[in-house]
Protein backbone atom coordinates (compact mmCIF):
# COMPACT_ATOMS: atom_id res chain seq x y z
CA MET A 1 -3.95 26.55 10.91
CA SER A 2 -3.99 22.92 12.01
CA ARG A 3 -3.72 22.07 15.69
CA ALA A 4 -0.87 19.73 14.75
CA THR A 5 2.60 20.71 15.88
CA VAL A 6 4.63 17.84 14.45
CA THR A 7 3.58 15.79 11.42
CA TRP A 8 5.70 12.76 10.50
CA VAL A 9 5.39 11.26 7.00
CA THR A 10 7.10 7.98 6.14
CA GLY A 11 7.64 6.96 2.54
CA ALA A 12 7.94 10.68 1.80
CA GLY A 13 10.61 10.42 -0.87
CA SER A 14 8.14 9.99 -3.71
CA GLY A 15 4.58 9.22 -4.74
CA MET A 16 1.75 9.44 -2.26
CA GLY A 17 4.06 10.05 0.69
CA ARG A 18 5.70 13.05 -0.95
CA ALA A 19 2.35 14.45 -2.09
CA ALA A 20 0.91 14.03 1.42
CA ALA A 21 3.89 15.81 2.99
CA VAL A 22 3.54 18.75 0.61
CA ALA A 23 -0.23 18.96 1.02
CA ALA A 24 0.12 18.93 4.81
CA ALA A 25 2.93 21.50 4.78
CA PRO A 26 1.23 24.91 5.15
CA GLY A 27 1.73 26.08 8.73
CA ARG A 28 3.14 22.73 9.86
CA ARG A 29 6.45 21.27 10.90
CA VAL A 30 6.80 18.17 8.72
CA VAL A 31 9.25 15.33 9.26
CA VAL A 32 9.90 13.60 5.94
CA SER A 33 11.31 10.08 6.10
CA GLY A 34 12.30 7.55 3.47
CA ARG A 35 15.12 5.25 2.49
CA ARG A 36 16.52 7.45 -0.29
CA ALA A 37 18.12 10.56 1.16
CA GLU A 38 18.50 12.26 -2.21
CA HIS A 39 14.75 12.03 -2.82
CA LEU A 40 14.00 13.51 0.59
CA GLU A 41 15.93 16.63 -0.40
CA GLU A 42 13.40 17.36 -3.13
CA THR A 43 10.48 16.63 -0.81
CA GLY A 44 11.95 18.99 1.76
CA ARG A 45 12.27 21.72 -0.85
CA LEU A 46 8.63 21.26 -1.87
CA VAL A 47 7.46 21.29 1.77
CA ARG A 48 9.32 24.54 2.37
CA ALA A 49 7.90 26.09 -0.81
CA ALA A 50 4.40 25.11 0.33
CA GLY A 51 4.80 26.98 3.62
CA GLY A 52 5.99 24.22 5.92
CA THR A 53 9.13 23.62 7.93
CA PRO A 54 10.77 20.32 6.95
CA LEU A 55 13.02 18.00 8.90
CA LEU A 56 14.70 15.44 6.65
CA LEU A 57 15.17 12.10 8.34
CA PRO A 58 16.34 9.17 6.18
CA LEU A 59 14.82 5.96 7.54
CA ASP A 60 14.25 2.31 6.72
CA VAL A 61 11.07 1.39 8.59
CA THR A 62 12.09 -2.28 8.66
CA ASP A 63 14.87 -1.37 11.13
CA ALA A 64 13.40 -1.17 14.63
CA ASP A 65 16.47 0.49 16.12
CA ALA A 66 16.52 3.10 13.35
CA VAL A 67 12.83 3.87 13.95
CA ALA A 68 13.48 4.38 17.66
CA THR A 69 16.49 6.60 16.96
CA ALA A 70 14.53 8.66 14.43
CA HIS A 71 11.68 9.17 16.88
CA ASP A 72 14.09 10.20 19.63
CA ARG A 73 15.58 12.82 17.33
CA ILE A 74 12.16 14.21 16.41
CA ALA A 75 11.08 14.35 20.03
CA GLY A 76 14.35 15.98 21.03
CA GLU A 77 14.26 18.66 18.34
CA TRP A 78 10.55 19.33 17.91
CA GLY A 79 8.66 17.49 20.63
CA PRO A 80 6.12 14.65 20.36
CA VAL A 81 4.57 13.65 17.05
CA ASP A 82 0.82 14.28 16.97
CA ARG A 83 0.11 13.63 13.28
CA LEU A 84 1.46 10.55 11.53
CA VAL A 85 1.12 9.57 7.87
CA LEU A 86 2.43 6.11 6.98
CA ALA A 87 3.13 5.76 3.27
CA ALA A 88 6.19 3.48 3.04
CA GLY A 89 5.38 0.47 0.90
CA LEU A 90 6.92 -2.36 -1.10
CA ASN A 91 5.87 -5.01 -3.60
CA SER A 92 7.46 -7.31 -6.16
CA PRO A 93 6.65 -8.35 -9.73
CA ARG A 94 6.71 -11.95 -8.47
CA ARG A 95 3.27 -12.27 -6.96
CA SER A 96 2.09 -15.88 -7.15
CA TRP A 97 2.67 -18.88 -4.93
CA ALA A 98 4.41 -20.46 -7.91
CA ASP A 99 7.15 -17.85 -8.25
CA GLN A 100 7.37 -15.91 -4.98
CA ASP A 101 10.68 -15.57 -3.20
CA LEU A 102 10.53 -15.97 0.59
CA ALA A 103 13.12 -13.24 1.18
CA GLU A 104 10.97 -10.86 -0.88
CA PHE A 105 7.88 -11.99 1.02
CA GLU A 106 9.50 -11.16 4.33
CA ALA A 107 10.75 -7.80 3.08
CA ILE A 108 7.30 -6.81 1.81
CA VAL A 109 5.53 -7.80 5.03
CA SER A 110 8.23 -6.18 7.16
CA THR A 111 7.79 -2.92 5.24
CA ASN A 112 4.04 -2.80 4.70
CA LEU A 113 2.92 -4.21 8.05
CA GLY A 114 5.90 -4.27 10.38
CA GLY A 115 7.02 -0.79 9.37
CA VAL A 116 3.60 0.62 10.19
CA VAL A 117 3.52 -1.07 13.60
CA ARG A 118 7.08 -0.02 14.48
CA VAL A 119 6.47 3.66 13.79
CA ILE A 120 3.05 3.71 15.49
CA SER A 121 4.54 2.04 18.56
CA ALA A 122 7.16 4.79 18.72
CA VAL A 123 4.71 7.70 18.63
CA LEU A 124 1.84 6.30 20.73
CA PRO A 125 3.25 7.20 24.17
CA GLY A 126 3.57 10.85 23.19
CA MET A 127 0.07 10.91 21.71
CA ARG A 128 -1.32 9.34 24.89
CA ASN A 129 0.40 11.94 27.04
CA ALA A 130 -1.04 14.71 24.87
CA GLY A 131 -4.50 13.14 24.68
CA ASP A 132 -4.48 13.82 20.95
CA GLY A 133 -3.23 12.22 17.76
CA VAL A 134 -4.16 11.36 14.19
CA ILE A 135 -2.69 8.39 12.34
CA VAL A 136 -3.27 7.87 8.62
CA ILE A 137 -2.26 4.45 7.31
CA ILE A 138 -1.99 4.65 3.53
CA SER A 139 -2.90 1.08 2.67
CA SER A 140 -4.43 -0.13 -0.58
CA TYR A 141 -7.65 -1.10 -2.31
CA ALA A 142 -6.29 -4.62 -1.70
CA GLY A 143 -6.57 -3.95 2.02
CA TRP A 144 -10.29 -3.27 1.66
CA ARG A 145 -11.34 -5.74 -1.05
CA LEU A 146 -9.20 -8.85 -1.06
CA SER A 147 -7.68 -9.71 -4.42
CA SER A 148 -5.01 -12.18 -5.51
CA SER A 149 -3.53 -10.00 -8.26
CA PRO A 150 -1.44 -7.69 -6.01
CA GLY A 151 0.41 -10.76 -4.75
CA VAL A 152 0.54 -13.05 -1.73
CA ALA A 153 2.72 -10.87 0.49
CA TYR A 154 1.25 -7.53 -0.51
CA SER A 155 -2.38 -8.60 -0.12
CA ALA A 156 -1.72 -10.29 3.22
CA SER A 157 0.13 -7.26 4.59
CA LYS A 158 -2.48 -4.77 3.46
CA VAL A 159 -5.45 -6.76 4.78
CA ALA A 160 -3.66 -6.92 8.12
CA LEU A 161 -3.53 -3.10 8.22
CA SER A 162 -7.30 -3.07 8.59
CA ALA A 163 -6.86 -4.95 11.87
CA VAL A 164 -4.14 -2.51 12.94
CA ALA A 165 -6.46 0.47 12.40
CA THR A 166 -9.46 -1.27 13.99
CA THR A 167 -7.58 -2.23 17.15
CA LEU A 168 -6.06 1.23 17.45
CA ASN A 169 -9.46 2.90 17.29
CA GLY A 170 -10.97 0.35 19.64
CA GLN A 171 -8.26 0.84 22.25
CA GLU A 172 -7.00 4.41 21.74
CA ALA A 173 -9.82 6.56 20.33
CA GLY A 174 -11.07 7.19 23.85
CA ARG A 175 -7.69 8.81 24.54
CA GLY A 176 -8.10 11.14 21.57
CA ILE A 177 -5.98 9.09 19.14
CA ARG A 178 -7.81 8.55 15.86
CA THR A 179 -6.69 6.21 13.07
CA THR A 180 -7.77 6.00 9.44
CA HIS A 181 -7.20 3.03 7.15
CA LEU A 182 -6.90 4.81 3.78
CA CYS A 183 -7.35 2.45 0.84
CA PRO A 184 -6.48 3.92 -2.57
CA GLY A 185 -7.27 2.18 -5.81
CA ASP A 186 -5.01 2.50 -8.85
CA VAL A 187 -2.69 5.50 -8.45
CA ASP A 188 -0.30 6.78 -11.11
CA THR A 189 3.03 6.70 -9.24
CA ASP A 190 6.38 4.98 -9.67
CA PHE A 191 5.00 2.14 -7.53
CA LEU A 192 3.47 0.84 -10.76
CA LEU A 193 6.98 -0.14 -11.85
CA MET A 194 6.71 -3.04 -9.38
CA ARG A 195 3.88 -4.62 -11.37
CA PRO A 196 4.53 -7.68 -13.57
CA GLU A 197 3.23 -5.62 -16.49
CA VAL A 198 3.68 -1.88 -16.13
CA PRO A 199 0.58 0.04 -17.34
CA GLY A 200 1.01 2.29 -20.36
CA ALA A 201 0.40 6.02 -20.57
CA GLN A 202 -3.26 5.68 -21.54
CA ALA A 203 -4.10 3.43 -18.60
CA ARG A 204 -2.15 5.65 -16.19
CA SER A 205 -4.02 8.74 -17.39
CA ARG A 206 -7.26 7.24 -16.03
CA MET A 207 -5.86 6.47 -12.60
CA LEU A 208 -5.88 8.54 -9.44
CA THR A 209 -2.97 10.89 -8.86
CA ALA A 210 -0.79 11.12 -5.78
CA GLU A 211 -2.33 14.55 -5.18
CA ASP A 212 -5.82 12.98 -5.06
CA ILE A 213 -4.66 10.83 -2.17
CA ALA A 214 -2.91 13.76 -0.51
CA ARG A 215 -6.20 15.65 -0.42
CA CYS A 216 -7.75 12.69 1.38
CA VAL A 217 -4.89 12.72 3.88
CA THR A 218 -5.31 16.41 4.69
CA PHE A 219 -9.07 15.91 5.01
CA VAL A 220 -8.37 13.34 7.72
CA LEU A 221 -5.63 15.37 9.41
CA ASP A 222 -7.86 18.45 9.58
CA SER A 223 -10.99 16.69 10.84
CA PRO A 224 -12.37 17.82 14.22
CA PRO A 225 -11.06 16.01 17.32
CA HIS A 226 -14.41 14.31 17.97
CA VAL A 227 -14.38 12.65 14.51
CA VAL A 228 -12.93 9.20 13.76
CA ILE A 229 -12.70 8.25 10.07
CA ASP A 230 -12.20 4.54 10.48
CA GLU A 231 -11.73 3.68 6.82
CA LEU A 232 -11.62 5.69 3.61
CA VAL A 233 -11.71 3.96 0.21
CA VAL A 234 -10.88 5.99 -2.91
CA SER A 235 -10.75 4.63 -6.44
CA PRO A 236 -10.83 5.94 -10.01
CA THR A 237 -13.95 5.53 -12.10
CA SER A 238 -11.91 3.40 -14.52
CA GLN A 239 -11.10 0.72 -11.94
CA SER A 240 -13.02 -2.52 -12.26
CA ARG A 241 -15.24 -3.48 -9.34
């Protein structure tokens, strides 16, 4: 059984977040957060079926007060979070300087970058007190190899996550808090619906699955306490390089 006592997964209502919560479930207490409460119900059922104990906590990570309230509830009911998986993400079909909407830009950055920083800031004091913690930031291939196609806001926010992980490891690894910048390539999830042109069934069949990424997450969560996995890049063989 994992040493972890409380694992918090954001973006757990679907896709990679849900798959990560289910994969991490056996023997763990798993907090599942996301904006859509009805989707969290299904994730909670799957976590329970996989041998975990779920706590359903609807949350918009762009709301700083809501993040603080959610963390206070977790700490009050279960104690400090020592494993954190950050999977909440957003993009838009409008991805060029010529057609981007500034409100969408701000929403994407606030979710993909700000949401990560808000939740990490909430759990760090408890991890420091425990002298132990693992943080997995589910980023993107675009956060590892810069590309213009994912869009201005998305690419900027994901590249910035590399700096978040690097500074965390530089400043907190000595306290036992280890962070991984996980960069998946093309993954067959509903997130593809945010693309300007949604891939067809044949293209999706060659992509990674959410469960592929979940296995990477559990690999990181279960790594020994002396191991830091700074960055992990995973892509399908079909993806152009």
